[in-house]
Amino acid sequence: MDISKYTEVYKGTRGIYVQVTRYGAFENNQALVRVSNFDHPWSEHIFLCDTAFNSNDMSVSYTTQIDGNDYVLMRTTKEWGAIWLLGGYSFDINYVETYVDHMEGRNDIVNDYHNSHLTGNPRK
């Protein structure tokens, strides 16, 4: 499986963490997005998202499928970011750091995503 050697980490209001890594070939425009550190049913879920780059405002939108419908989970620009969770929760997020492939924990998001197939993660 072709994945990015980088995982971007964002931190948001109320301590929410978001990890993002490209999943599959670059031209597939997909990423894994993990939401964690927040008391919400989606905490610790890993979402497979389609990504769309908008060159007008230099933003990237991350869209997943929730109950068969498109759902914009997250959007980032070079200046800000936001994530929207079920139930009307929205959080501003800011870039914190990038894990590189040789750093401990870098592959956790991919391994956890693959293992979630075995536990029936309903949000993939």
PDB file of N, CA and C in Angstrom:
ATOM      1  N   MET A   1       0.853  -1.180   0.000  1.00  0.00           N
ATOM      2  CA  MET A   1       0.000   0.000   0.000  1.00  0.00           C
ATOM      3  C   MET A   1       0.894   1.237   0.000  1.00  0.00           C
ATOM      4  N   ASP A   2       0.611   2.128  -0.905  1.00  0.00           N
ATOM      5  CA  ASP A   2       1.347   3.382  -0.993  1.00  0.00           C
ATOM      6  C   ASP A   2       0.729   4.386  -0.023  1.00  0.00           C
ATOM      7  N   ILE A   3       1.517   4.838   0.931  1.00  0.00           N
ATOM      8  CA  ILE A   3       1.049   5.856   1.874  1.00  0.00           C
ATOM      9  C   ILE A   3       2.123   6.922   2.003  1.00  0.00           C
ATOM     10  N   SER A   4       1.713   8.068   2.479  1.00  0.00           N
ATOM     11  CA  SER A   4       2.671   9.143   2.696  1.00  0.00           C
ATOM     12  C   SER A   4       3.652   8.743   3.788  1.00  0.00           C
ATOM     13  N   LYS A   5       4.863   9.226   3.676  1.00  0.00           N
ATOM     14  CA  LYS A   5       5.807   8.978   4.764  1.00  0.00           C
ATOM     15  C   LYS A   5       5.657  10.022   5.860  1.00  0.00           C
ATOM     16  N   TYR A   6       4.671  10.906   5.713  1.00  0.00           N
ATOM     17  CA  TYR A   6       4.428  11.960   6.696  1.00  0.00           C
ATOM     18  C   TYR A   6       3.011  11.857   7.249  1.00  0.00           C
ATOM     19  N   THR A   7       2.862  12.118   8.537  1.00  0.00           N
ATOM     20  CA  THR A   7       1.549  12.245   9.161  1.00  0.00           C
ATOM     21  C   THR A   7       1.493  13.610   9.828  1.00  0.00           C
ATOM     22  N   GLU A   8       0.542  14.431   9.398  1.00  0.00           N
ATOM     23  CA  GLU A   8       0.381  15.759   9.986  1.00  0.00           C
ATOM     24  C   GLU A   8      -0.468  15.650  11.246  1.00  0.00           C
ATOM     25  N   VAL A   9      -0.100  16.418  12.260  1.00  0.00           N
ATOM     26  CA  VAL A   9      -0.829  16.423  13.524  1.00  0.00           C
ATOM     27  C   VAL A   9      -1.352  17.837  13.773  1.00  0.00           C
ATOM     28  N   TYR A  10      -2.642  17.909  14.094  1.00  0.00           N
ATOM     29  CA  TYR A  10      -3.294  19.171  14.419  1.00  0.00           C
ATOM     30  C   TYR A  10      -3.855  19.076  15.826  1.00  0.00           C
ATOM     31  N   LYS A  11      -3.891  20.202  16.525  1.00  0.00           N
ATOM     32  CA  LYS A  11      -4.515  20.259  17.840  1.00  0.00           C
ATOM     33  C   LYS A  11      -5.570  21.348  17.793  1.00  0.00           C
ATOM     34  N   GLY A  12      -6.702  21.051  18.416  1.00  0.00           N
ATOM     35  CA  GLY A  12      -7.800  22.001  18.382  1.00  0.00           C
ATOM     36  C   GLY A  12      -8.230  22.445  19.755  1.00  0.00           C
ATOM     37  N   THR A  13      -9.253  23.269  19.742  1.00  0.00           N
ATOM     38  CA  THR A  13      -9.831  23.740  20.985  1.00  0.00           C
ATOM     39  C   THR A  13     -10.311  22.552  21.803  1.00  0.00           C
ATOM     40  N   ARG A  14     -10.296  22.706  23.111  1.00  0.00           N
ATOM     41  CA  ARG A  14     -10.696  21.676  24.071  1.00  0.00           C
ATOM     42  C   ARG A  14      -9.836  20.425  23.990  1.00  0.00           C
ATOM     43  N   GLY A  15      -8.626  20.542  23.406  1.00  0.00           N
ATOM     44  CA  GLY A  15      -7.674  19.443  23.426  1.00  0.00           C
ATOM     45  C   GLY A  15      -7.832  18.398  22.344  1.00  0.00           C
ATOM     46  N   ILE A  16      -8.746  18.593  21.405  1.00  0.00           N
ATOM     47  CA  ILE A  16      -8.950  17.602  20.350  1.00  0.00           C
ATOM     48  C   ILE A  16      -7.690  17.483  19.490  1.00  0.00           C
ATOM     49  N   TYR A  17      -7.352  16.260  19.108  1.00  0.00           N
ATOM     50  CA  TYR A  17      -6.225  15.996  18.216  1.00  0.00           C
ATOM     51  C   TYR A  17      -6.741  15.392  16.918  1.00  0.00           C
ATOM     52  N   VAL A  18      -6.089  15.758  15.819  1.00  0.00           N
ATOM     53  CA  VAL A  18      -6.427  15.216  14.510  1.00  0.00           C
ATOM     54  C   VAL A  18      -5.122  14.818  13.834  1.00  0.00           C
ATOM     55  N   GLN A  19      -5.071  13.581  13.330  1.00  0.00           N
ATOM     56  CA  GLN A  19      -3.918  13.106  12.570  1.00  0.00           C
ATOM     57  C   GLN A  19      -4.373  12.842  11.141  1.00  0.00           C
ATOM     58  N   VAL A  20      -3.535  13.224  10.178  1.00  0.00           N
ATOM     59  CA  VAL A  20      -3.875  13.075   8.761  1.00  0.00           C
ATOM     60  C   VAL A  20      -2.680  12.495   8.020  1.00  0.00           C
ATOM     61  N   THR A  21      -2.923  11.461   7.221  1.00  0.00           N
ATOM     62  CA  THR A  21      -1.877  10.925   6.354  1.00  0.00           C
ATOM     63  C   THR A  21      -2.487  10.494   5.028  1.00  0.00           C
ATOM     64  N   ARG A  22      -1.755  10.734   3.940  1.00  0.00           N
ATOM     65  CA  ARG A  22      -2.223  10.289   2.620  1.00  0.00           C
ATOM     66  C   ARG A  22      -2.312   8.772   2.613  1.00  0.00           C
ATOM     67  N   TYR A  23      -3.352   8.256   1.963  1.00  0.00           N
ATOM     68  CA  TYR A  23      -3.588   6.818   1.907  1.00  0.00           C
ATOM     69  C   TYR A  23      -3.792   6.420   0.454  1.00  0.00           C
ATOM     70  N   GLY A  24      -2.965   5.526  -0.035  1.00  0.00           N
ATOM     71  CA  GLY A  24      -3.048   5.124  -1.435  1.00  0.00           C
ATOM     72  C   GLY A  24      -2.179   6.022  -2.298  1.00  0.00           C
ATOM     73  N   ALA A  25      -2.250   5.791  -3.593  1.00  0.00           N
ATOM     74  CA  ALA A  25      -1.450   6.569  -4.534  1.00  0.00           C
ATOM     75  C   ALA A  25      -1.817   8.047  -4.458  1.00  0.00           C
ATOM     76  N   PHE A  26      -0.835   8.899  -4.691  1.00  0.00           N
ATOM     77  CA  PHE A  26      -1.033  10.346  -4.586  1.00  0.00           C
ATOM     78  C   PHE A  26      -2.218  10.808  -5.432  1.00  0.00           C
ATOM     79  N   GLU A  27      -2.331  10.270  -6.643  1.00  0.00           N
ATOM     80  CA  GLU A  27      -3.394  10.702  -7.555  1.00  0.00           C
ATOM     81  C   GLU A  27      -4.784  10.212  -7.147  1.00  0.00           C
ATOM     82  N   ASN A  28      -4.875   9.323  -6.158  1.00  0.00           N
ATOM     83  CA  ASN A  28      -6.182   8.868  -5.665  1.00  0.00           C
ATOM     84  C   ASN A  28      -6.861   9.910  -4.783  1.00  0.00           C
ATOM     85  N   ASN A  29      -6.088  10.867  -4.280  1.00  0.00           N
ATOM     86  CA  ASN A  29      -6.633  11.952  -3.454  1.00  0.00           C
ATOM     87  C   ASN A  29      -7.441  11.433  -2.269  1.00  0.00           C
ATOM     88  N   GLN A  30      -6.812  10.559  -1.478  1.00  0.00           N
ATOM     89  CA  GLN A  30      -7.450  10.045  -0.275  1.00  0.00           C
ATOM     90  C   GLN A  30      -6.507  10.167   0.913  1.00  0.00           C
ATOM     91  N   ALA A  31      -7.101  10.276   2.090  1.00  0.00           N
ATOM     92  CA  ALA A  31      -6.313  10.381   3.317  1.00  0.00           C
ATOM     93  C   ALA A  31      -7.057   9.679   4.445  1.00  0.00           C
ATOM     94  N   LEU A  32      -6.289   9.238   5.434  1.00  0.00           N
ATOM     95  CA  LEU A  32      -6.866   8.746   6.678  1.00  0.00           C
ATOM     96  C   LEU A  32      -6.851   9.895   7.674  1.00  0.00           C
ATOM     97  N   VAL A  33      -7.967  10.081   8.377  1.00  0.00           N
ATOM     98  CA  VAL A  33      -8.088  11.145   9.375  1.00  0.00           C
ATOM     99  C   VAL A  33      -8.542  10.505  10.677  1.00  0.00           C
ATOM    100  N   ARG A  34      -7.726  10.670  11.723  1.00  0.00           N
ATOM    101  CA  ARG A  34      -8.085  10.157  13.048  1.00  0.00           C
ATOM    102  C   ARG A  34      -8.405  11.340  13.955  1.00  0.00           C
ATOM    103  N   VAL A  35      -9.537  11.230  14.640  1.00  0.00           N
ATOM    104  CA  VAL A  35      -9.962  12.232  15.614  1.00  0.00           C
ATOM    105  C   VAL A  35      -9.798  11.601  16.990  1.00  0.00           C
ATOM    106  N   SER A  36      -9.158  12.308  17.923  1.00  0.00           N
ATOM    107  CA  SER A  36      -8.958  11.717  19.248  1.00  0.00           C
ATOM    108  C   SER A  36      -8.918  12.787  20.329  1.00  0.00           C
ATOM    109  N   ASN A  37      -8.927  12.304  21.563  1.00  0.00           N
ATOM    110  CA  ASN A  37      -8.778  13.131  22.758  1.00  0.00           C
ATOM    111  C   ASN A  37      -9.983  14.038  22.998  1.00  0.00           C
ATOM    112  N   PHE A  38     -11.173  13.505  22.718  1.00  0.00           N
ATOM    113  CA  PHE A  38     -12.392  14.265  22.942  1.00  0.00           C
ATOM    114  C   PHE A  38     -13.510  13.287  23.262  1.00  0.00           C
ATOM    115  N   ASP A  39     -14.355  13.620  24.215  1.00  0.00           N
ATOM    116  CA  ASP A  39     -15.458  12.750  24.613  1.00  0.00           C
ATOM    117  C   ASP A  39     -16.592  12.874  23.594  1.00  0.00           C
ATOM    118  N   HIS A  40     -16.550  12.015  22.590  1.00  0.00           N
ATOM    119  CA  HIS A  40     -17.510  12.038  21.491  1.00  0.00           C
ATOM    120  C   HIS A  40     -17.528  10.643  20.867  1.00  0.00           C
ATOM    121  N   PRO A  41     -18.650  10.202  20.319  1.00  0.00           N
ATOM    122  CA  PRO A  41     -18.691   8.868  19.698  1.00  0.00           C
ATOM    123  C   PRO A  41     -17.663   8.674  18.586  1.00  0.00           C
ATOM    124  N   TRP A  42     -17.204   9.742  17.958  1.00  0.00           N
ATOM    125  CA  TRP A  42     -16.223   9.612  16.883  1.00  0.00           C
ATOM    126  C   TRP A  42     -14.786   9.664  17.374  1.00  0.00           C
ATOM    127  N   SER A  43     -14.571   9.883  18.663  1.00  0.00           N
ATOM    128  CA  SER A  43     -13.204   9.914  19.179  1.00  0.00           C
ATOM    129  C   SER A  43     -12.550   8.557  18.944  1.00  0.00           C
ATOM    130  N   GLU A  44     -11.331   8.581  18.462  1.00  0.00           N
ATOM    131  CA  GLU A  44     -10.519   7.415  18.122  1.00  0.00           C
ATOM    132  C   GLU A  44     -10.950   6.731  16.830  1.00  0.00           C
ATOM    133  N   HIS A  45     -11.938   7.260  16.138  1.00  0.00           N
ATOM    134  CA  HIS A  45     -12.300   6.696  14.836  1.00  0.00           C
ATOM    135  C   HIS A  45     -11.310   7.168  13.783  1.00  0.00           C
ATOM    136  N   ILE A  46     -11.106   6.334  12.790  1.00  0.00           N
ATOM    137  CA  ILE A  46     -10.250   6.677  11.662  1.00  0.00           C
ATOM    138  C   ILE A  46     -11.131   6.680  10.421  1.00  0.00           C
ATOM    139  N   PHE A  47     -11.174   7.813   9.758  1.00  0.00           N
ATOM    140  CA  PHE A  47     -12.034   7.994   8.600  1.00  0.00           C
ATOM    141  C   PHE A  47     -11.205   7.965   7.324  1.00  0.00           C
ATOM    142  N   LEU A  48     -11.686   7.238   6.320  1.00  0.00           N
ATOM    143  CA  LEU A  48     -11.100   7.308   4.989  1.00  0.00           C
ATOM    144  C   LEU A  48     -11.797   8.459   4.277  1.00  0.00           C
ATOM    145  N   CYS A  49     -11.020   9.451   3.864  1.00  0.00           N
ATOM    146  CA  CYS A  49     -11.590  10.662   3.270  1.00  0.00           C
ATOM    147  C   CYS A  49     -11.069  10.880   1.855  1.00  0.00           C
ATOM    148  N   ASP A  50     -11.939  11.406   1.010  1.00  0.00           N
ATOM    149  CA  ASP A  50     -11.508  11.944  -0.268  1.00  0.00           C
ATOM    150  C   ASP A  50     -11.017  13.358  -0.006  1.00  0.00           C
ATOM    151  N   THR A  51      -9.927  13.740  -0.657  1.00  0.00           N
ATOM    152  CA  THR A  51      -9.382  15.080  -0.468  1.00  0.00           C
ATOM    153  C   THR A  51      -9.572  15.893  -1.741  1.00  0.00           C
ATOM    154  N   ALA A  52      -9.827  17.176  -1.555  1.00  0.00           N
ATOM    155  CA  ALA A  52      -9.973  18.091  -2.689  1.00  0.00           C
ATOM    156  C   ALA A  52      -9.208  19.366  -2.375  1.00  0.00           C
ATOM    157  N   PHE A  53      -8.288  19.714  -3.267  1.00  0.00           N
ATOM    158  CA  PHE A  53      -7.485  20.923  -3.105  1.00  0.00           C
ATOM    159  C   PHE A  53      -8.140  22.058  -3.878  1.00  0.00           C
ATOM    160  N   ASN A  54      -8.292  23.209  -3.227  1.00  0.00           N
ATOM    161  CA  ASN A  54      -8.844  24.400  -3.863  1.00  0.00           C
ATOM    162  C   ASN A  54      -7.720  25.419  -3.987  1.00  0.00           C
ATOM    163  N   SER A  55      -7.292  25.682  -5.207  1.00  0.00           N
ATOM    164  CA  SER A  55      -6.157  26.591  -5.410  1.00  0.00           C
ATOM    165  C   SER A  55      -6.523  28.051  -5.179  1.00  0.00           C
ATOM    166  N   ASN A  56      -7.809  28.390  -5.173  1.00  0.00           N
ATOM    167  CA  ASN A  56      -8.210  29.783  -4.940  1.00  0.00           C
ATOM    168  C   ASN A  56      -7.857  30.249  -3.534  1.00  0.00           C
ATOM    169  N   ASP A  57      -8.119  29.404  -2.538  1.00  0.00           N
ATOM    170  CA  ASP A  57      -7.802  29.800  -1.160  1.00  0.00           C
ATOM    171  C   ASP A  57      -6.785  28.864  -0.512  1.00  0.00           C
ATOM    172  N   MET A  58      -6.162  28.005  -1.333  1.00  0.00           N
ATOM    173  CA  MET A  58      -5.122  27.086  -0.864  1.00  0.00           C
ATOM    174  C   MET A  58      -5.633  26.188   0.263  1.00  0.00           C
ATOM    175  N   SER A  59      -6.858  25.693   0.121  1.00  0.00           N
ATOM    176  CA  SER A  59      -7.443  24.847   1.159  1.00  0.00           C
ATOM    177  C   SER A  59      -7.545  23.403   0.682  1.00  0.00           C
ATOM    178  N   VAL A  60      -7.645  22.509   1.654  1.00  0.00           N
ATOM    179  CA  VAL A  60      -7.895  21.097   1.381  1.00  0.00           C
ATOM    180  C   VAL A  60      -9.124  20.694   2.185  1.00  0.00           C
ATOM    181  N   SER A  61     -10.099  20.104   1.510  1.00  0.00           N
ATOM    182  CA  SER A  61     -11.295  19.580   2.172  1.00  0.00           C
ATOM    183  C   SER A  61     -11.177  18.069   2.259  1.00  0.00           C
ATOM    184  N   TYR A  62     -11.618  17.518   3.373  1.00  0.00           N
ATOM    185  CA  TYR A  62     -11.584  16.081   3.632  1.00  0.00           C
ATOM    186  C   TYR A  62     -13.023  15.613   3.785  1.00  0.00           C
ATOM    187  N   THR A  63     -13.496  14.819   2.821  1.00  0.00           N
ATOM    188  CA  THR A  63     -14.890  14.379   2.797  1.00  0.00           C
ATOM    189  C   THR A  63     -14.949  12.870   2.964  1.00  0.00           C
ATOM    190  N   THR A  64     -15.804  12.409   3.878  1.00  0.00           N
ATOM    191  CA  THR A  64     -15.982  10.978   4.113  1.00  0.00           C
ATOM    192  C   THR A  64     -17.444  10.617   3.867  1.00  0.00           C
ATOM    193  N   GLN A  65     -17.762   9.365   4.016  1.00  0.00           N
ATOM    194  CA  GLN A  65     -19.137   8.890   3.900  1.00  0.00           C
ATOM    195  C   GLN A  65     -19.663   8.581   5.298  1.00  0.00           C
ATOM    196  N   ILE A  66     -20.771   9.182   5.659  1.00  0.00           N
ATOM    197  CA  ILE A  66     -21.448   8.901   6.922  1.00  0.00           C
ATOM    198  C   ILE A  66     -22.868   8.477   6.587  1.00  0.00           C
ATOM    199  N   ASP A  67     -23.203   7.261   6.956  1.00  0.00           N
ATOM    200  CA  ASP A  67     -24.530   6.712   6.682  1.00  0.00           C
ATOM    201  C   ASP A  67     -24.913   6.876   5.215  1.00  0.00           C
ATOM    202  N   GLY A  68     -23.931   6.663   4.320  1.00  0.00           N
ATOM    203  CA  GLY A  68     -24.180   6.703   2.886  1.00  0.00           C
ATOM    204  C   GLY A  68     -24.176   8.079   2.253  1.00  0.00           C
ATOM    205  N   ASN A  69     -23.926   9.117   3.032  1.00  0.00           N
ATOM    206  CA  ASN A  69     -23.928  10.484   2.506  1.00  0.00           C
ATOM    207  C   ASN A  69     -22.549  11.117   2.641  1.00  0.00           C
ATOM    208  N   ASP A  70     -22.217  12.015   1.701  1.00  0.00           N
ATOM    209  CA  ASP A  70     -20.970  12.765   1.812  1.00  0.00           C
ATOM    210  C   ASP A  70     -21.021  13.671   3.036  1.00  0.00           C
ATOM    211  N   TYR A  71     -19.915  13.736   3.757  1.00  0.00           N
ATOM    212  CA  TYR A  71     -19.825  14.555   4.963  1.00  0.00           C
ATOM    213  C   TYR A  71     -18.446  15.203   4.979  1.00  0.00           C
ATOM    214  N   VAL A  72     -18.412  16.539   4.942  1.00  0.00           N
ATOM    215  CA  VAL A  72     -17.134  17.245   5.027  1.00  0.00           C
ATOM    216  C   VAL A  72     -16.698  17.211   6.485  1.00  0.00           C
ATOM    217  N   LEU A  73     -15.678  16.425   6.748  1.00  0.00           N
ATOM    218  CA  LEU A  73     -15.184  16.223   8.106  1.00  0.00           C
ATOM    219  C   LEU A  73     -14.241  17.337   8.534  1.00  0.00           C
ATOM    220  N   MET A  74     -13.400  17.786   7.590  1.00  0.00           N
ATOM    221  CA  MET A  74     -12.348  18.717   7.969  1.00  0.00           C
ATOM    222  C   MET A  74     -11.958  19.567   6.769  1.00  0.00           C
ATOM    223  N   ARG A  75     -11.451  20.751   7.080  1.00  0.00           N
ATOM    224  CA  ARG A  75     -10.907  21.631   6.047  1.00  0.00           C
ATOM    225  C   ARG A  75      -9.701  22.346   6.630  1.00  0.00           C
ATOM    226  N   THR A  76      -8.639  22.409   5.853  1.00  0.00           N
ATOM    227  CA  THR A  76      -7.440  23.114   6.296  1.00  0.00           C
ATOM    228  C   THR A  76      -6.996  24.098   5.218  1.00  0.00           C
ATOM    229  N   THR A  77      -6.397  25.189   5.658  1.00  0.00           N
ATOM    230  CA  THR A  77      -5.728  26.127   4.761  1.00  0.00           C
ATOM    231  C   THR A  77      -4.333  26.340   5.337  1.00  0.00           C
ATOM    232  N   LYS A  78      -3.573  27.202   4.706  1.00  0.00           N
ATOM    233  CA  LYS A  78      -2.247  27.479   5.258  1.00  0.00           C
ATOM    234  C   LYS A  78      -2.331  28.348   6.504  1.00  0.00           C
ATOM    235  N   GLU A  79      -3.523  28.897   6.805  1.00  0.00           N
ATOM    236  CA  GLU A  79      -3.673  29.785   7.950  1.00  0.00           C
ATOM    237  C   GLU A  79      -4.549  29.232   9.071  1.00  0.00           C
ATOM    238  N   TRP A  80      -5.474  28.328   8.764  1.00  0.00           N
ATOM    239  CA  TRP A  80      -6.392  27.827   9.784  1.00  0.00           C
ATOM    240  C   TRP A  80      -6.925  26.461   9.366  1.00  0.00           C
ATOM    241  N   GLY A  81      -7.645  25.852  10.261  1.00  0.00           N
ATOM    242  CA  GLY A  81      -8.316  24.603   9.957  1.00  0.00           C
ATOM    243  C   GLY A  81      -9.534  24.459  10.850  1.00  0.00           C
ATOM    244  N   ALA A  82     -10.415  23.555  10.467  1.00  0.00           N
ATOM    245  CA  ALA A  82     -11.605  23.287  11.271  1.00  0.00           C
ATOM    246  C   ALA A  82     -12.021  21.844  11.049  1.00  0.00           C
ATOM    247  N   ILE A  83     -12.636  21.269  12.069  1.00  0.00           N
ATOM    248  CA  ILE A  83     -13.194  19.925  11.967  1.00  0.00           C
ATOM    249  C   ILE A  83     -14.620  19.979  12.495  1.00  0.00           C
ATOM    250  N   TRP A  84     -15.510  19.233  11.825  1.00  0.00           N
ATOM    251  CA  TRP A  84     -16.921  19.218  12.191  1.00  0.00           C
ATOM    252  C   TRP A  84     -17.316  17.796  12.544  1.00  0.00           C
ATOM    253  N   LEU A  85     -17.854  17.622  13.752  1.00  0.00           N
ATOM    254  CA  LEU A  85     -18.257  16.302  14.229  1.00  0.00           C
ATOM    255  C   LEU A  85     -19.771  16.224  14.351  1.00  0.00           C
ATOM    256  N   LEU A  86     -20.266  15.019  14.272  1.00  0.00           N
ATOM    257  CA  LEU A  86     -21.695  14.759  14.397  1.00  0.00           C
ATOM    258  C   LEU A  86     -22.249  15.411  15.660  1.00  0.00           C
ATOM    259  N   GLY A  87     -23.418  15.999  15.560  1.00  0.00           N
ATOM    260  CA  GLY A  87     -24.050  16.629  16.706  1.00  0.00           C
ATOM    261  C   GLY A  87     -23.815  18.127  16.768  1.00  0.00           C
ATOM    262  N   GLY A  88     -23.284  18.700  15.698  1.00  0.00           N
ATOM    263  CA  GLY A  88     -23.078  20.142  15.663  1.00  0.00           C
ATOM    264  C   GLY A  88     -21.806  20.621  16.333  1.00  0.00           C
ATOM    265  N   TYR A  89     -20.887  19.716  16.637  1.00  0.00           N
ATOM    266  CA  TYR A  89     -19.615  20.111  17.250  1.00  0.00           C
ATOM    267  C   TYR A  89     -18.652  20.563  16.160  1.00  0.00           C
ATOM    268  N   SER A  90     -18.070  21.725  16.343  1.00  0.00           N
ATOM    269  CA  SER A  90     -17.034  22.190  15.419  1.00  0.00           C
ATOM    270  C   SER A  90     -15.877  22.749  16.240  1.00  0.00           C
ATOM    271  N   PHE A  91     -14.678  22.542  15.717  1.00  0.00           N
ATOM    272  CA  PHE A  91     -13.472  22.949  16.423  1.00  0.00           C
ATOM    273  C   PHE A  91     -12.490  23.574  15.453  1.00  0.00           C
ATOM    274  N   ASP A  92     -11.894  24.682  15.876  1.00  0.00           N
ATOM    275  CA  ASP A  92     -10.758  25.223  15.149  1.00  0.00           C
ATOM    276  C   ASP A  92      -9.567  24.325  15.441  1.00  0.00           C
ATOM    277  N   ILE A  93      -8.738  24.105  14.437  1.00  0.00           N
ATOM    278  CA  ILE A  93      -7.539  23.295  14.634  1.00  0.00           C
ATOM    279  C   ILE A  93      -6.336  24.034  14.072  1.00  0.00           C
ATOM    280  N   ASN A  94      -5.181  23.769  14.671  1.00  0.00           N
ATOM    281  CA  ASN A  94      -3.925  24.363  14.230  1.00  0.00           C
ATOM    282  C   ASN A  94      -2.887  23.266  14.061  1.00  0.00           C
ATOM    283  N   TYR A  95      -2.062  23.440  13.036  1.00  0.00           N
ATOM    284  CA  TYR A  95      -0.982  22.498  12.776  1.00  0.00           C
ATOM    285  C   TYR A  95      -0.018  22.488  13.960  1.00  0.00           C
ATOM    286  N   VAL A  96       0.396  21.272  14.392  1.00  0.00           N
ATOM    287  CA  VAL A  96       1.329  21.133  15.504  1.00  0.00           C
ATOM    288  C   VAL A  96       2.673  20.605  15.027  1.00  0.00           C
ATOM    289  N   GLU A  97       2.651  19.459  14.321  1.00  0.00           N
ATOM    290  CA  GLU A  97       3.899  18.851  13.887  1.00  0.00           C
ATOM    291  C   GLU A  97       3.622  17.813  12.813  1.00  0.00           C
ATOM    292  N   THR A  98       4.707  17.305  12.228  1.00  0.00           N
ATOM    293  CA  THR A  98       4.619  16.231  11.248  1.00  0.00           C
ATOM    294  C   THR A  98       5.474  15.075  11.729  1.00  0.00           C
ATOM    295  N   TYR A  99       4.864  13.878  11.775  1.00  0.00           N
ATOM    296  CA  TYR A  99       5.630  12.666  12.046  1.00  0.00           C
ATOM    297  C   TYR A  99       6.194  12.182  10.720  1.00  0.00           C
ATOM    298  N   VAL A 100       7.452  11.786  10.731  1.00  0.00           N
ATOM    299  CA  VAL A 100       8.096  11.247   9.539  1.00  0.00           C
ATOM    300  C   VAL A 100       8.161   9.735   9.696  1.00  0.00           C
ATOM    301  N   ASP A 101       8.281   9.020   8.575  1.00  0.00           N
ATOM    302  CA  ASP A 101       8.171   7.561   8.591  1.00  0.00           C
ATOM    303  C   ASP A 101       9.104   6.868   9.571  1.00  0.00           C
ATOM    304  N   HIS A 102      10.223   7.461   9.915  1.00  0.00           N
ATOM    305  CA  HIS A 102      11.139   6.801  10.845  1.00  0.00           C
ATOM    306  C   HIS A 102      10.803   7.094  12.315  1.00  0.00           C
ATOM    307  N   MET A 103       9.842   7.969  12.576  1.00  0.00           N
ATOM    308  CA  MET A 103       9.496   8.326  13.952  1.00  0.00           C
ATOM    309  C   MET A 103       8.549   7.295  14.554  1.00  0.00           C
ATOM    310  N   GLU A 104       8.741   7.017  15.827  1.00  0.00           N
ATOM    311  CA  GLU A 104       7.865   6.083  16.527  1.00  0.00           C
ATOM    312  C   GLU A 104       6.432   6.598  16.493  1.00  0.00           C
ATOM    313  N   GLY A 105       5.500   5.716  16.209  1.00  0.00           N
ATOM    314  CA  GLY A 105       4.098   6.089  16.167  1.00  0.00           C
ATOM    315  C   GLY A 105       3.616   6.528  14.804  1.00  0.00           C
ATOM    316  N   ARG A 106       4.509   6.698  13.851  1.00  0.00           N
ATOM    317  CA  ARG A 106       4.154   7.197  12.526  1.00  0.00           C
ATOM    318  C   ARG A 106       3.156   6.288  11.820  1.00  0.00           C
ATOM    319  N   ASN A 107       3.325   4.981  11.913  1.00  0.00           N
ATOM    320  CA  ASN A 107       2.444   4.058  11.197  1.00  0.00           C
ATOM    321  C   ASN A 107       1.220   3.639  11.999  1.00  0.00           C
ATOM    322  N   ASP A 108       1.053   4.174  13.196  1.00  0.00           N
ATOM    323  CA  ASP A 108      -0.078   3.774  14.032  1.00  0.00           C
ATOM    324  C   ASP A 108      -1.417   3.990  13.341  1.00  0.00           C
ATOM    325  N   ILE A 109      -1.591   5.117  12.674  1.00  0.00           N
ATOM    326  CA  ILE A 109      -2.879   5.417  12.052  1.00  0.00           C
ATOM    327  C   ILE A 109      -3.210   4.396  10.962  1.00  0.00           C
ATOM    328  N   VAL A 110      -2.212   3.997  10.171  1.00  0.00           N
ATOM    329  CA  VAL A 110      -2.445   3.019   9.104  1.00  0.00           C
ATOM    330  C   VAL A 110      -2.713   1.643   9.694  1.00  0.00           C
ATOM    331  N   ASN A 111      -1.892   1.224  10.654  1.00  0.00           N
ATOM    332  CA  ASN A 111      -2.096  -0.086  11.285  1.00  0.00           C
ATOM    333  C   ASN A 111      -3.453  -0.155  11.976  1.00  0.00           C
ATOM    334  N   ASP A 112      -3.818   0.894  12.691  1.00  0.00           N
ATOM    335  CA  ASP A 112      -5.109   0.902  13.382  1.00  0.00           C
ATOM    336  C   ASP A 112      -6.268   0.876  12.390  1.00  0.00           C
ATOM    337  N   TYR A 113      -6.122   1.572  11.268  1.00  0.00           N
ATOM    338  CA  TYR A 113      -7.172   1.559  10.246  1.00  0.00           C
ATOM    339  C   TYR A 113      -7.353   0.149   9.690  1.00  0.00           C
ATOM    340  N   HIS A 114      -6.255  -0.499   9.352  1.00  0.00           N
ATOM    341  CA  HIS A 114      -6.351  -1.858   8.814  1.00  0.00           C
ATOM    342  C   HIS A 114      -6.924  -2.819   9.850  1.00  0.00           C
ATOM    343  N   ASN A 115      -6.529  -2.692  11.100  1.00  0.00           N
ATOM    344  CA  ASN A 115      -7.043  -3.568  12.148  1.00  0.00           C
ATOM    345  C   ASN A 115      -8.506  -3.297  12.466  1.00  0.00           C
ATOM    346  N   SER A 116      -8.982  -2.087  12.189  1.00  0.00           N
ATOM    347  CA  SER A 116     -10.372  -1.770  12.500  1.00  0.00           C
ATOM    348  C   SER A 116     -11.334  -2.556  11.617  1.00  0.00           C
ATOM    349  N   HIS A 117     -10.864  -3.057  10.473  1.00  0.00           N
ATOM    350  CA  HIS A 117     -11.708  -3.929   9.652  1.00  0.00           C
ATOM    351  C   HIS A 117     -12.113  -5.163  10.454  1.00  0.00           C
ATOM    352  N   LEU A 118     -11.228  -5.610  11.327  1.00  0.00           N
ATOM    353  CA  LEU A 118     -11.498  -6.811  12.107  1.00  0.00           C
ATOM    354  C   LEU A 118     -12.499  -6.557  13.223  1.00  0.00           C
ATOM    355  N   THR A 119     -12.600  -5.310  13.686  1.00  0.00           N
ATOM    356  CA  THR A 119     -13.511  -5.011  14.786  1.00  0.00           C
ATOM    357  C   THR A 119     -14.805  -4.368  14.305  1.00  0.00           C
ATOM    358  N   GLY A 120     -14.955  -4.193  12.999  1.00  0.00           N
ATOM    359  CA  GLY A 120     -16.211  -3.684  12.461  1.00  0.00           C
ATOM    360  C   GLY A 120     -16.421  -2.195  12.640  1.00  0.00           C
ATOM    361  N   ASN A 121     -15.372  -1.395  12.512  1.00  0.00           N
ATOM    362  CA  ASN A 121     -15.514   0.051  12.602  1.00  0.00           C
ATOM    363  C   ASN A 121     -16.583   0.517  11.612  1.00  0.00           C
ATOM    364  N   PRO A 122     -17.691   1.084  12.080  1.00  0.00           N
ATOM    365  CA  PRO A 122     -18.800   1.418  11.183  1.00  0.00           C
ATOM    366  C   PRO A 122     -18.594   2.694  10.384  1.00  0.00           C
ATOM    367  N   ARG A 123     -17.557   3.426  10.625  1.00  0.00           N
ATOM    368  CA  ARG A 123     -17.410   4.742  10.002  1.00  0.00           C
ATOM    369  C   ARG A 123     -16.393   4.773   8.873  1.00  0.00           C
ATOM    370  N   LYS A 124     -15.951   3.629   8.385  1.00  0.00           N
ATOM    371  CA  LYS A 124     -14.999   3.634   7.278  1.00  0.00           C
ATOM    372  C   LYS A 124     -15.739   3.665   5.974  1.00  0.00           C
TER     373      LYS A 124
END
